Amino acid sequence: MNKKIQILSILFLGISQIAFSQIKEEKLVLTKKREPEIKKIEKKKTSVETIKNYPPEEKSQTPVQYNITDVPAVSDFKTSTIQGEDVTPKFDGTAQNNYFRFGMGNYGKILADANISTKIKETIEVGADVHVLSSNGLKKDYAWDSKQNSATLGAFLNAYGEKGKFNVNAEYGLDKYNYYGIYALQPESTIDLNQKVNQFKINGYYDFYSNEILNDVRVKSSFLKDHYDAKENQGSLLANFSKHAVALGNSEVVLNADLGVGLETVESTFEILNKNSSSFFNTNLSPKLTFAKGESYLTLGSDFSFLNAKHNNLLMAEQSKTNKTYWFPKAEFQLAASTEFKFYGGVDGGLKINTYSELLQQNPFLVSDQLLKPTETKYHFYVGLRGDIDETFKYDVSAGYGKMRDIMFFKGNNILDNGYTLDRGPYNFANTFSAVYDDGNISDIKGSLQYFPLENLTVDVEARFLKYDLANYEDIYNVPLLTGSIGARYTMFEKKLSLGFKGIFASDRTTNSYTIEAIGNPAMFYQSTENRDDKVGGYADLNLSAEYKIHKNFSIFALGNNLLSSKYQTYKGYKVLGAQVVGGIKITF
């Protein structure tokens, strides 16, 4: 019977007709994990490792939380932005943490990365990682340059003391690409469309083993500069205070008390067009009490934010200043009828500072001059059902409704002047985007499922429906109504062969676009007409990966991305790479 199941599982991986595709390379871990979260996110090497017998018993008494990470199920491996994450399957059960990997493929694609770490003491580990990824772009689709290069250099230190563990990591990232998505004009092939973003990050984290008053402290900092002299500096400090597992009389109910204290500062300046500049300083307090009995619990809390904001640009007579206090509800309950069925619900809200750095992660084709505002979620109610059925199915389904202010989304920019010339700046071909904001309501339904039919096979599925009802815009731009993904991980031959599958889909997105025509005879200037109900088609993005361990120190791998070869658009005018195949070697030591 098991052999039949294995044969069916292999056929599932080999002939799956699910037409999804992913261009961004993602980590696929092929060993079956039985952690309590519905969705697992594997930490990078630079994050603090989990060590045996950690956390201590005090921390394990925190109620289990099943959260679906709110990450748009959209492929981010665009022809101009390569995140460069590893899609190759990883082998567990080995002490070889150091590796070097190199691969080449079509579209002039080159992949090289390495990781090395060592213990300088029994309780201190240091290491570094390097990742480089480049492509020649879509030469047959665009007459102008669509190349891209991405590089990340990182270093980290992990230290384990008597009372807690400490981690610090530093990372430098470089993304070099082009504003190649020109659809309304036809410039010369030699036009300069270059954009380059440099970012340096330093993060520190200390986690106490015990929850006696001070739980953990986190410090983050980031420094960004782009090709057009935009600069952004960020810094944050978060301290979590807690007292857990306090018995309430003779009852089986325990009390967990938590207080989060956070400070965040962001300063952004732009040097072209309207020369927007903004500064934010936010103080956040998040107290909460949790009453837990077994797997059932009730959490009551609040979120207070004290925001100081300043903004200026060339169109303003004087700098605007804002000081405002916000309060948001925080509450959640879970009724666990059994491990298989847990009903939950709650309400939350919060203030999110929108930064240039984060906006570029969502849309790298932004013009280097952005009006930055915080997004306020006044409230968001949700209910759901989750559970674990015989350690074979793990699921989480929920629905929610909320009210928001200054919802951020991206609108396409027109040409910046009407002069009849193609001698324009790289961002002046109606080929960039800007962040815009509107108030409105949000309705969402999301679900997640993990299935473990065999010890060496894991299948996971996610889907999300997201609907906005805006005050001023009829439709939200560049946000799909429906997104989803399906993945599978399988190992064979005593884990010598690892196979991975990832499919991602998204529905159509509404966007704005422009038609530009020359006026006059001879032509004297350009006239543009905006279409506010254009569509960017949905997509299905299919990916496969394989790695075979020939020797304990030597492996060969192959990666297939966007195997349906659908050159769909992520944003208006910006096509992605077609079918990509990369092969190479990996050396571990």
Protein backbone atom coordinates (compact mmCIF):
# COMPACT_ATOMS: atom_id res chain seq x y z
CA MET A 1 0.00 0.00 0.00
CA ASN A 2 2.82 2.39 0.93
CA LYS A 3 4.57 1.66 -2.36
CA LYS A 4 1.40 2.61 -4.24
CA ILE A 5 1.15 5.84 -2.28
CA GLN A 6 4.80 6.64 -3.05
CA ILE A 7 4.26 6.00 -6.77
CA LEU A 8 1.20 8.26 -6.79
CA SER A 9 3.15 10.93 -4.91
CA ILE A 10 5.96 10.86 -7.49
CA LEU A 11 3.43 11.09 -10.32
CA PHE A 12 1.82 14.05 -8.57
CA LEU A 13 5.13 15.91 -8.60
CA GLY A 14 5.97 14.96 -12.17
CA ILE A 15 2.74 15.60 -14.06
CA SER A 16 0.97 18.20 -11.99
CA GLN A 17 -1.24 20.26 -14.27
CA ILE A 18 -1.70 23.10 -11.82
CA ALA A 19 -0.76 26.10 -13.91
CA PHE A 20 0.96 28.28 -11.40
CA SER A 21 4.41 29.82 -11.74
CA GLN A 22 6.95 31.57 -9.58
CA ILE A 23 9.83 33.70 -10.75
CA LYS A 24 11.18 34.65 -7.34
CA GLU A 25 13.44 31.95 -5.96
CA GLU A 26 12.24 30.74 -2.58
CA LYS A 27 13.58 28.33 0.05
CA LEU A 28 11.93 24.94 -0.11
CA VAL A 29 12.69 22.71 2.87
CA LEU A 30 11.94 19.12 2.06
CA THR A 31 12.06 17.49 5.48
CA LYS A 32 8.69 17.02 7.13
CA LYS A 33 8.19 19.46 9.97
CA ARG A 34 5.54 19.15 12.63
CA GLU A 35 5.72 22.59 14.12
CA PRO A 36 2.41 24.06 15.35
CA GLU A 37 2.21 26.96 12.89
CA ILE A 38 0.12 26.51 9.82
CA LYS A 39 2.78 28.19 7.72
CA LYS A 40 6.46 27.90 8.47
CA ILE A 41 8.99 30.52 7.44
CA GLU A 42 12.56 29.28 7.45
CA LYS A 43 14.98 31.75 9.00
CA LYS A 44 18.10 32.83 7.17
CA LYS A 45 21.45 31.82 8.56
CA THR A 46 21.85 35.31 9.93
CA SER A 47 18.99 34.82 12.33
CA VAL A 48 19.34 33.39 15.81
CA GLU A 49 19.40 29.63 15.77
CA THR A 50 17.18 27.42 17.85
CA ILE A 51 19.25 25.36 20.24
CA LYS A 52 18.38 22.16 22.03
CA ASN A 53 16.17 22.57 25.09
CA TYR A 54 15.47 26.23 24.17
CA PRO A 55 13.18 27.90 25.01
CA PRO A 56 12.93 26.79 28.63
CA GLU A 57 9.67 25.59 30.12
CA GLU A 58 8.56 29.11 31.06
CA LYS A 59 8.30 30.21 27.41
CA SER A 60 6.65 27.03 26.23
CA GLN A 61 3.55 27.90 28.25
CA THR A 62 2.58 30.70 25.92
CA PRO A 63 -0.64 29.71 24.06
CA VAL A 64 0.02 28.27 20.64
CA GLN A 65 -0.70 30.77 17.86
CA TYR A 66 -1.61 29.74 14.32
CA ASN A 67 -0.94 32.74 12.10
CA ILE A 68 -0.89 32.94 8.33
CA THR A 69 1.88 35.30 7.35
CA ASP A 70 0.47 38.17 5.34
CA VAL A 71 2.78 37.96 2.35
CA PRO A 72 1.35 38.66 -1.10
CA ALA A 73 1.45 35.45 -3.12
CA VAL A 74 3.08 37.18 -6.06
CA SER A 75 6.31 36.26 -7.80
CA ASP A 76 8.89 38.96 -7.15
CA PHE A 77 11.61 37.61 -9.42
CA LYS A 78 11.17 40.31 -12.05
CA THR A 79 13.53 41.05 -14.87
CA SER A 80 14.78 44.04 -12.93
CA THR A 81 14.61 42.94 -9.30
CA ILE A 82 16.15 39.69 -8.24
CA GLN A 83 15.68 38.94 -4.58
CA GLY A 84 18.12 36.10 -4.93
CA GLU A 85 16.75 33.65 -2.42
CA ASP A 86 17.61 29.97 -2.58
CA VAL A 87 15.10 27.67 -4.26
CA THR A 88 17.35 24.63 -4.04
CA PRO A 89 16.15 21.94 -1.62
CA LYS A 90 18.12 21.73 1.62
CA PHE A 91 19.39 18.55 3.24
CA ASP A 92 18.90 18.07 6.97
CA GLY A 93 20.70 15.62 9.19
CA THR A 94 24.18 16.91 8.43
CA ALA A 95 26.68 18.94 10.40
CA GLN A 96 27.97 20.61 7.23
CA ASN A 97 26.75 24.19 7.53
CA ASN A 98 29.26 25.69 5.10
CA TYR A 99 28.69 25.58 1.37
CA PHE A 100 29.50 27.15 -1.97
CA ARG A 101 27.12 27.02 -4.91
CA PHE A 102 27.41 28.13 -8.52
CA GLY A 103 25.01 27.81 -11.41
CA MET A 104 24.27 29.17 -14.90
CA GLY A 105 21.21 29.21 -17.13
CA ASN A 106 19.38 30.86 -19.99
CA TYR A 107 18.78 34.62 -20.14
CA GLY A 108 22.46 34.91 -19.18
CA LYS A 109 21.50 33.99 -15.65
CA ILE A 110 24.33 33.51 -13.16
CA LEU A 111 23.84 32.37 -9.58
CA ALA A 112 26.61 32.25 -6.97
CA ASP A 113 26.31 32.08 -3.23
CA ALA A 114 28.21 30.84 -0.22
CA ASN A 115 27.85 30.52 3.53
CA ILE A 116 30.57 29.93 6.08
CA SER A 117 30.39 29.82 9.87
CA THR A 118 32.57 28.67 12.72
CA LYS A 119 32.61 28.57 16.50
CA ILE A 120 35.29 30.70 18.10
CA LYS A 121 34.08 29.41 21.48
CA GLU A 122 31.61 26.73 22.51
CA THR A 123 28.96 29.43 23.03
CA ILE A 124 29.97 31.90 20.28
CA GLU A 125 29.48 31.44 16.57
CA VAL A 126 30.42 33.83 13.75
CA GLY A 127 29.77 33.58 10.05
CA ALA A 128 29.18 35.27 6.73
CA ASP A 129 27.10 34.72 3.62
CA VAL A 130 27.28 36.00 0.06
CA HIS A 131 24.69 35.87 -2.69
CA VAL A 132 24.98 37.13 -6.27
CA LEU A 133 22.38 36.80 -9.02
CA SER A 134 22.27 38.44 -12.43
CA SER A 135 20.42 38.21 -15.74
CA ASN A 136 20.66 39.80 -19.19
CA GLY A 137 16.93 40.53 -19.15
CA LEU A 138 14.47 40.35 -22.04
CA LYS A 139 16.52 41.32 -25.09
CA LYS A 140 13.94 40.00 -27.55
CA ASP A 141 11.05 41.87 -25.94
CA TYR A 142 12.64 45.28 -25.31
CA ALA A 143 14.99 47.22 -27.57
CA TRP A 144 16.49 48.98 -24.55
CA ASP A 145 18.38 47.58 -21.59
CA SER A 146 16.51 45.32 -19.14
CA LYS A 147 19.49 43.80 -17.35
CA GLN A 148 19.56 43.34 -13.60
CA ASN A 149 22.09 42.50 -10.94
CA SER A 150 21.60 41.76 -7.28
CA ALA A 151 24.15 41.11 -4.54
CA THR A 152 23.89 40.59 -0.79
CA LEU A 153 26.78 40.38 1.66
CA GLY A 154 26.09 39.50 5.28
CA ALA A 155 27.89 38.73 8.53
CA PHE A 156 26.52 37.52 11.84
CA LEU A 157 27.41 36.61 15.42
CA ASN A 158 25.45 34.30 17.74
CA ALA A 159 26.29 34.06 21.42
CA TYR A 160 24.62 31.95 24.10
CA GLY A 161 24.94 33.04 27.72
CA GLU A 162 23.63 31.87 31.05
CA LYS A 163 20.55 34.10 30.98
CA GLY A 164 19.84 34.48 27.28
CA LYS A 165 21.07 34.44 23.71
CA PHE A 166 22.39 37.32 21.63
CA ASN A 167 22.46 37.83 17.89
CA VAL A 168 23.82 40.66 15.78
CA ASN A 169 23.94 40.74 12.00
CA ALA A 170 25.01 43.22 9.35
CA GLU A 171 23.99 43.12 5.70
CA TYR A 172 24.78 45.12 2.58
CA GLY A 173 22.46 44.82 -0.40
CA LEU A 174 22.78 46.14 -3.95
CA ASP A 175 20.03 46.08 -6.58
CA LYS A 176 20.84 47.46 -10.01
CA TYR A 177 18.13 47.41 -12.67
CA ASN A 178 16.33 49.49 -15.31
CA TYR A 179 12.97 51.25 -15.76
CA TYR A 180 12.41 49.13 -18.85
CA GLY A 181 8.57 48.97 -18.83
CA ILE A 182 7.96 51.60 -21.54
CA TYR A 183 4.71 50.98 -23.42
CA ALA A 184 3.50 54.43 -24.59
CA LEU A 185 6.64 55.77 -26.36
CA GLN A 186 9.45 54.28 -28.42
CA PRO A 187 12.84 55.69 -27.33
CA GLU A 188 16.23 54.79 -28.79
CA SER A 189 17.76 51.48 -27.75
CA THR A 190 20.68 53.34 -26.15
CA ILE A 191 18.48 55.24 -23.67
CA ASP A 192 19.72 55.24 -20.07
CA LEU A 193 17.04 53.75 -17.81
CA ASN A 194 19.25 52.83 -14.89
CA GLN A 195 18.21 52.69 -11.22
CA LYS A 196 20.44 51.47 -8.40
CA VAL A 197 19.59 50.97 -4.73
CA ASN A 198 22.17 50.47 -1.98
CA GLN A 199 21.05 49.47 1.50
CA PHE A 200 22.98 48.68 4.66
CA LYS A 201 21.35 47.08 7.71
CA ILE A 202 22.51 46.36 11.25
CA ASN A 203 20.23 44.43 13.59
CA GLY A 204 20.65 43.21 17.15
CA TYR A 205 18.54 40.86 19.26
CA TYR A 206 18.74 39.62 22.84
CA ASP A 207 16.31 37.01 24.14
CA PHE A 208 16.15 36.07 27.81
CA TYR A 209 15.52 32.39 28.49
CA SER A 210 13.09 33.28 31.26
CA ASN A 211 10.02 35.47 30.97
CA GLU A 212 10.71 37.12 34.31
CA ILE A 213 9.91 40.77 33.53
CA LEU A 214 12.23 41.42 30.54
CA ASN A 215 11.55 39.00 27.70
CA ASP A 216 13.57 40.26 24.74
CA VAL A 217 15.07 43.38 23.19
CA ARG A 218 15.40 44.09 19.46
CA VAL A 219 17.28 46.90 17.72
CA LYS A 220 17.09 47.51 13.97
CA SER A 221 18.70 50.10 11.71
CA SER A 222 18.78 50.68 7.97
CA PHE A 223 20.45 53.16 5.62
CA LEU A 224 19.35 53.45 1.98
CA LYS A 225 20.49 55.50 -1.00
CA ASP A 226 19.47 55.22 -4.65
CA HIS A 227 20.85 56.37 -7.99
CA TYR A 228 18.97 59.69 -7.79
CA ASP A 229 20.31 60.61 -4.33
CA ALA A 230 17.18 59.63 -2.42
CA LYS A 231 18.18 58.82 1.16
CA GLU A 232 16.32 57.06 3.94
CA ASN A 233 17.48 56.30 7.47
CA GLN A 234 15.50 54.04 9.78
CA GLY A 235 15.93 52.95 13.37
CA SER A 236 13.76 51.06 15.83
CA LEU A 237 13.93 49.70 19.36
CA LEU A 238 11.48 47.17 20.77
CA ALA A 239 11.47 45.80 24.30
CA ASN A 240 9.01 43.14 25.45
CA PHE A 241 8.26 42.85 29.15
CA SER A 242 6.35 39.84 30.39
CA LYS A 243 5.34 37.69 33.32
CA HIS A 244 4.01 34.32 32.26
CA ALA A 245 2.44 31.23 33.81
CA VAL A 246 0.95 32.97 36.85
CA ALA A 247 -1.47 30.56 38.52
CA LEU A 248 -4.89 31.97 39.42
CA GLY A 249 -5.89 30.30 42.66
CA ASN A 250 -6.66 26.60 42.44
CA SER A 251 -8.06 26.84 38.93
CA GLU A 252 -6.36 25.48 35.83
CA VAL A 253 -6.30 28.98 34.34
CA VAL A 254 -2.92 30.68 34.05
CA LEU A 255 -2.23 34.36 33.42
CA ASN A 256 0.32 35.78 30.99
CA ALA A 257 1.00 39.51 31.17
CA ASP A 258 2.87 41.29 28.37
CA LEU A 259 3.91 44.86 27.61
CA GLY A 260 5.59 45.87 24.38
CA VAL A 261 7.42 49.22 24.23
CA GLY A 262 8.62 50.40 20.86
CA LEU A 263 10.36 53.42 19.36
CA GLU A 264 10.65 53.97 15.62
CA THR A 265 12.17 56.78 13.59
CA VAL A 266 12.27 57.22 9.81
CA GLU A 267 13.69 60.09 7.79
CA SER A 268 13.33 60.16 3.99
CA THR A 269 14.53 62.79 1.51
CA PHE A 270 14.26 62.93 -2.29
CA GLU A 271 16.29 65.14 -4.62
CA ILE A 272 14.32 65.19 -7.89
CA LEU A 273 10.92 66.50 -9.10
CA ASN A 274 8.96 67.85 -6.08
CA LYS A 275 11.76 66.93 -3.64
CA ASN A 276 9.50 65.42 -1.02
CA SER A 277 10.92 64.94 2.46
CA SER A 278 9.33 63.33 5.49
CA SER A 279 10.22 62.52 9.07
CA PHE A 280 8.39 60.22 11.49
CA PHE A 281 8.94 59.44 15.14
CA ASN A 282 6.54 56.94 16.64
CA THR A 283 6.27 55.65 20.21
CA ASN A 284 4.21 52.52 20.73
CA LEU A 285 2.83 50.85 23.87
CA SER A 286 1.10 47.46 23.64
CA PRO A 287 -0.17 46.02 26.94
CA LYS A 288 -2.08 42.74 26.98
CA LEU A 289 -3.33 40.05 29.37
CA THR A 290 -3.87 36.44 28.35
CA PHE A 291 -5.98 33.98 30.34
CA ALA A 292 -5.22 30.44 29.20
CA LYS A 293 -6.62 27.03 30.06
CA GLY A 294 -5.17 24.24 28.00
CA GLU A 295 -5.35 25.29 24.38
CA SER A 296 -8.19 27.75 24.98
CA TYR A 297 -7.41 31.34 25.83
CA LEU A 298 -8.66 34.91 25.96
CA THR A 299 -6.36 37.86 25.24
CA LEU A 300 -7.33 41.45 26.08
CA GLY A 301 -5.14 44.40 25.21
CA SER A 302 -4.67 47.73 23.51
CA ASP A 303 -2.23 49.46 21.22
CA PHE A 304 -1.25 53.10 21.80
CA SER A 305 0.78 55.07 19.25
CA PHE A 306 2.14 58.59 19.67
CA LEU A 307 3.20 59.91 16.26
CA ASN A 308 5.20 63.00 15.38
CA ALA A 309 5.30 63.60 11.62
CA LYS A 310 6.81 66.29 9.41
CA HIS A 311 6.52 66.73 5.67
CA ASN A 312 7.77 69.20 3.09
CA ASN A 313 8.20 69.61 -0.69
CA LEU A 314 8.66 72.34 -3.31
CA LEU A 315 4.89 72.80 -3.70
CA MET A 316 4.32 73.64 -0.03
CA ALA A 317 4.68 77.14 1.38
CA GLU A 318 5.89 75.78 4.69
CA GLN A 319 6.60 72.49 6.41
CA SER A 320 3.58 70.60 7.75
CA LYS A 321 3.77 69.15 11.27
CA THR A 322 1.50 66.64 12.94
CA ASN A 323 1.35 65.33 16.50
CA LYS A 324 -1.32 62.73 17.07
CA THR A 325 -2.23 60.00 19.54
CA TYR A 326 -3.85 56.78 18.34
CA TRP A 327 -5.63 53.98 20.20
CA PHE A 328 -6.37 50.58 18.70
CA PRO A 329 -8.25 47.59 20.14
CA LYS A 330 -6.46 44.26 20.62
CA ALA A 331 -8.37 41.16 21.64
CA GLU A 332 -8.48 37.51 20.65
CA PHE A 333 -10.09 34.32 21.91
CA GLN A 334 -9.70 30.66 21.08
CA LEU A 335 -12.12 27.88 22.04
CA ALA A 336 -10.42 24.53 21.60
CA ALA A 337 -13.04 21.81 21.40
CA SER A 338 -10.19 19.46 20.51
CA THR A 339 -6.83 19.54 18.78
CA GLU A 340 -8.69 19.09 15.50
CA PHE A 341 -11.14 21.98 15.92
CA LYS A 342 -10.26 25.35 17.41
CA PHE A 343 -12.61 28.26 16.88
CA TYR A 344 -11.05 31.71 17.23
CA GLY A 345 -11.83 35.36 16.64
CA GLY A 346 -10.77 38.83 17.61
CA VAL A 347 -10.15 42.43 16.68
CA ASP A 348 -6.94 44.30 16.03
CA GLY A 349 -5.63 47.52 14.49
CA GLY A 350 -2.48 49.54 14.27
CA LEU A 351 -0.37 52.20 12.64
CA LYS A 352 2.10 51.30 9.89
CA ILE A 353 4.82 53.72 8.82
CA ASN A 354 5.21 53.41 5.04
CA THR A 355 8.88 53.74 4.08
CA TYR A 356 10.63 54.08 0.73
CA SER A 357 12.59 50.91 1.49
CA GLU A 358 9.45 48.81 2.02
CA LEU A 359 7.70 50.33 -0.99
CA LEU A 360 10.63 49.34 -3.22
CA GLN A 361 10.29 45.75 -2.04
CA GLN A 362 6.71 45.75 -3.30
CA ASN A 363 7.32 47.76 -6.47
CA PRO A 364 10.91 48.55 -7.53
CA PHE A 365 9.71 50.76 -10.39
CA LEU A 366 8.84 53.75 -8.21
CA VAL A 367 9.99 57.19 -9.23
CA SER A 368 12.58 58.50 -6.79
CA ASP A 369 10.22 61.06 -5.23
CA GLN A 370 7.45 59.71 -3.02
CA LEU A 371 4.87 61.20 -0.69
CA LEU A 372 5.06 58.97 2.39
CA LYS A 373 2.16 58.65 4.84
CA PRO A 374 1.37 56.16 7.60
CA THR A 375 -1.51 53.72 7.07
CA GLU A 376 -3.98 53.45 9.94
CA THR A 377 -6.05 50.31 10.50
CA LYS A 378 -8.79 51.63 12.76
CA TYR A 379 -10.13 48.15 13.43
CA HIS A 380 -10.15 44.71 11.85
CA PHE A 381 -12.56 42.02 13.08
CA TYR A 382 -11.90 38.39 12.20
CA VAL A 383 -13.17 34.88 12.96
CA GLY A 384 -11.74 31.54 11.96
CA LEU A 385 -11.29 27.82 12.47
CA ARG A 386 -7.97 25.97 12.70
CA GLY A 387 -6.69 22.62 13.80
CA ASP A 388 -4.38 19.65 13.48
CA ILE A 389 -5.96 16.35 12.40
CA ASP A 390 -3.86 13.37 13.41
CA GLU A 391 -0.65 15.27 12.57
CA THR A 392 -1.59 14.71 8.92
CA PHE A 393 -3.65 17.82 8.12
CA LYS A 394 -3.04 21.27 9.54
CA TYR A 395 -5.47 23.96 8.45
CA ASP A 396 -6.49 27.55 9.17
CA VAL A 397 -9.47 29.32 7.55
CA SER A 398 -10.58 32.83 8.53
CA ALA A 399 -12.60 35.83 7.35
CA GLY A 400 -12.32 39.47 8.38
CA TYR A 401 -13.62 42.98 7.89
CA GLY A 402 -11.90 46.25 8.73
CA LYS A 403 -11.83 50.01 8.35
CA MET A 404 -8.63 51.76 7.25
CA ARG A 405 -7.32 55.24 6.61
CA ASP A 406 -4.68 56.13 4.01
CA ILE A 407 -4.57 52.72 2.36
CA MET A 408 -1.41 52.73 0.24
CA PHE A 409 -1.33 51.45 -3.36
CA PHE A 410 0.55 52.27 -6.57
CA LYS A 411 -0.62 54.49 -9.40
CA GLY A 412 1.12 54.77 -12.77
CA ASN A 413 2.79 58.10 -13.56
CA ASN A 414 2.23 60.11 -16.72
CA ILE A 415 5.09 61.68 -18.66
CA LEU A 416 6.39 64.59 -16.59
CA ASP A 417 6.36 67.15 -19.44
CA ASN A 418 4.68 67.44 -22.86
CA GLY A 419 7.72 68.49 -24.88
CA TYR A 420 8.01 66.65 -28.19
CA THR A 421 11.29 64.89 -27.51
CA LEU A 422 12.56 61.47 -26.54
CA ASP A 423 15.57 62.98 -24.84
CA ARG A 424 14.07 62.38 -21.41
CA GLY A 425 15.11 61.21 -17.99
CA PRO A 426 14.94 57.46 -17.26
CA TYR A 427 11.71 57.93 -15.27
CA ASN A 428 9.98 60.24 -17.79
CA PHE A 429 8.39 57.75 -20.22
CA ALA A 430 5.20 56.97 -18.25
CA ASN A 431 7.21 54.02 -16.94
CA THR A 432 7.22 54.66 -13.18
CA PHE A 433 4.79 54.55 -10.29
CA SER A 434 3.96 56.59 -7.19
CA ALA A 435 2.33 55.69 -3.90
CA VAL A 436 -1.18 57.09 -3.50
CA TYR A 437 -3.58 56.84 -0.56
CA ASP A 438 -7.30 56.53 0.07
CA ASP A 439 -9.61 55.69 2.96
CA GLY A 440 -11.84 52.67 2.82
CA ASN A 441 -13.01 49.28 4.08
CA ILE A 442 -11.36 45.92 3.59
CA SER A 443 -12.89 42.43 3.41
CA ASP A 444 -10.68 39.37 3.40
CA ILE A 445 -10.98 35.59 3.40
CA LYS A 446 -7.89 33.42 3.65
CA GLY A 447 -7.04 29.80 4.14
CA SER A 448 -3.98 27.64 4.62
CA LEU A 449 -3.51 23.87 4.56
CA GLN A 450 -0.55 21.58 5.18
CA TYR A 451 -0.80 17.88 4.32
CA PHE A 452 1.70 15.18 5.32
CA PRO A 453 0.67 12.01 3.44
CA LEU A 454 4.12 10.44 3.81
CA GLU A 455 7.14 10.91 6.02
CA ASN A 456 9.08 12.35 3.08
CA LEU A 457 6.28 14.31 1.39
CA THR A 458 4.72 17.63 2.39
CA VAL A 459 2.03 19.51 0.48
CA ASP A 460 0.91 23.03 1.37
CA VAL A 461 -1.83 25.22 -0.10
CA GLU A 462 -2.74 28.86 0.54
CA ALA A 463 -5.39 31.18 -0.91
CA ARG A 464 -6.58 34.68 -0.14
CA PHE A 465 -9.48 36.86 -1.27
CA LEU A 466 -8.94 40.60 -0.66
CA LYS A 467 -11.53 43.27 -1.50
CA TYR A 468 -11.21 47.03 -0.95
CA ASP A 469 -14.08 49.52 -0.97
CA LEU A 470 -12.44 52.95 -1.35
CA ALA A 471 -13.84 56.41 -0.70
CA ASN A 472 -12.45 58.21 -3.78
CA TYR A 473 -11.18 55.54 -6.20
CA GLU A 474 -13.60 53.15 -7.85
CA ASP A 475 -10.98 50.38 -7.79
CA ILE A 476 -7.71 49.90 -5.99
CA TYR A 477 -4.80 49.79 -8.44
CA ASN A 478 -2.33 46.92 -8.83
CA VAL A 479 -3.83 44.72 -6.11
CA PRO A 480 -5.28 41.34 -7.20
CA LEU A 481 -8.63 40.22 -5.85
CA LEU A 482 -7.45 36.63 -5.46
CA THR A 483 -4.00 35.17 -4.81
CA GLY A 484 -2.84 31.72 -3.92
CA SER A 485 -0.06 29.15 -3.95
CA ILE A 486 0.49 25.41 -3.84
CA GLY A 487 3.74 23.67 -3.02
CA ALA A 488 5.15 20.21 -2.49
CA ARG A 489 8.43 18.87 -1.10
CA TYR A 490 9.61 15.30 -1.58
CA THR A 491 12.79 13.34 -0.82
CA MET A 492 13.95 9.99 -2.20
CA PHE A 493 16.83 7.53 -1.93
CA GLU A 494 17.54 8.23 1.75
CA LYS A 495 17.33 11.97 1.12
CA LYS A 496 19.98 11.94 -1.59
CA LEU A 497 17.43 13.29 -4.07
CA SER A 498 15.28 16.27 -3.11
CA LEU A 499 12.43 17.57 -5.28
CA GLY A 500 10.42 20.74 -4.91
CA PHE A 501 7.35 22.20 -6.58
CA LYS A 502 5.89 25.69 -6.17
CA GLY A 503 2.96 27.20 -8.02
CA ILE A 504 1.63 30.73 -7.54
CA PHE A 505 -1.38 32.41 -9.12
CA ALA A 506 -3.06 35.82 -9.06
CA SER A 507 -6.19 37.22 -10.66
CA ASP A 508 -6.40 40.28 -12.91
CA ARG A 509 -5.47 43.67 -11.45
CA THR A 510 -6.98 47.03 -12.27
CA THR A 511 -4.47 49.77 -13.10
CA ASN A 512 -4.27 53.12 -14.81
CA SER A 513 -2.32 53.68 -18.02
CA TYR A 514 -1.68 56.36 -20.64
CA THR A 515 -1.97 56.72 -24.39
CA ILE A 516 0.48 59.31 -25.72
CA GLU A 517 0.28 60.86 -29.19
CA ALA A 518 2.10 63.63 -30.99
CA ILE A 519 0.09 66.80 -31.72
CA GLY A 520 0.71 69.17 -34.63
CA ASN A 521 2.06 68.99 -38.17
CA PRO A 522 4.93 69.01 -37.74
CA ALA A 523 4.56 67.60 -34.24
CA MET A 524 4.99 70.23 -31.52
CA PHE A 525 4.12 68.43 -28.28
CA TYR A 526 2.75 65.23 -26.76
CA GLN A 527 -0.80 64.81 -25.55
CA SER A 528 -1.63 62.03 -23.10
CA THR A 529 -4.96 60.39 -22.28
CA GLU A 530 -5.41 58.41 -19.07
CA ASN A 531 -7.29 55.13 -18.93
CA ARG A 532 -8.38 54.57 -15.32
CA ASP A 533 -9.78 51.10 -15.91
CA ASP A 534 -6.96 49.26 -17.65
CA LYS A 535 -6.18 45.66 -16.71
CA VAL A 536 -2.97 43.81 -15.99
CA GLY A 537 -3.71 40.15 -16.67
CA GLY A 538 -3.62 37.46 -14.04
CA TYR A 539 -0.99 34.80 -14.14
CA ALA A 540 -0.12 31.24 -13.21
CA ASP A 541 3.51 30.60 -12.37
CA LEU A 542 5.01 27.08 -12.12
CA ASN A 543 8.40 26.18 -10.60
CA LEU A 544 10.35 22.99 -9.99
CA SER A 545 13.64 22.30 -8.24
CA ALA A 546 15.86 19.27 -7.77
CA GLU A 547 19.11 18.47 -6.02
CA TYR A 548 21.03 15.18 -6.02
CA LYS A 549 23.74 14.47 -3.46
CA ILE A 550 26.44 12.56 -5.31
CA HIS A 551 28.84 12.67 -2.36
CA LYS A 552 28.55 13.95 1.19
CA ASN A 553 30.46 17.05 0.03
CA PHE A 554 29.18 17.38 -3.52
CA SER A 555 25.73 17.91 -5.08
CA ILE A 556 24.29 18.91 -8.43
CA PHE A 557 21.11 20.97 -8.71
CA ALA A 558 18.64 22.23 -11.27
CA LEU A 559 16.08 25.02 -10.92
CA GLY A 560 13.15 25.65 -13.23
CA ASN A 561 11.23 28.92 -12.90
CA ASN A 562 8.14 30.15 -14.75
CA LEU A 563 8.07 26.89 -16.67
CA LEU A 564 4.85 27.78 -18.47
CA SER A 565 6.93 30.52 -20.13
CA SER A 566 4.21 33.11 -19.61
CA LYS A 567 5.81 36.55 -19.81
CA TYR A 568 3.07 38.11 -17.75
CA GLN A 569 3.32 41.63 -16.36
CA THR A 570 3.85 42.42 -12.70
CA TYR A 571 3.03 46.09 -13.35
CA LYS A 572 1.89 47.81 -16.54
CA GLY A 573 4.65 47.47 -19.13
CA TYR A 574 6.91 45.26 -17.02
CA LYS A 575 7.13 41.71 -18.31
CA VAL A 576 8.84 38.98 -16.33
CA LEU A 577 11.42 36.50 -17.60
CA GLY A 578 10.02 33.53 -19.49
CA ALA A 579 10.88 29.90 -18.72
CA GLN A 580 14.20 29.77 -16.90
CA VAL A 581 16.43 26.77 -16.23
CA VAL A 582 19.55 27.01 -14.09
CA GLY A 583 21.92 24.15 -13.34
CA GLY A 584 25.04 23.97 -11.26
CA ILE A 585 27.06 22.42 -8.48
CA LYS A 586 27.08 22.74 -4.72
CA ILE A 587 30.00 21.94 -2.42
CA THR A 588 29.43 21.52 1.32
CA PHE A 589 32.05 21.28 4.05
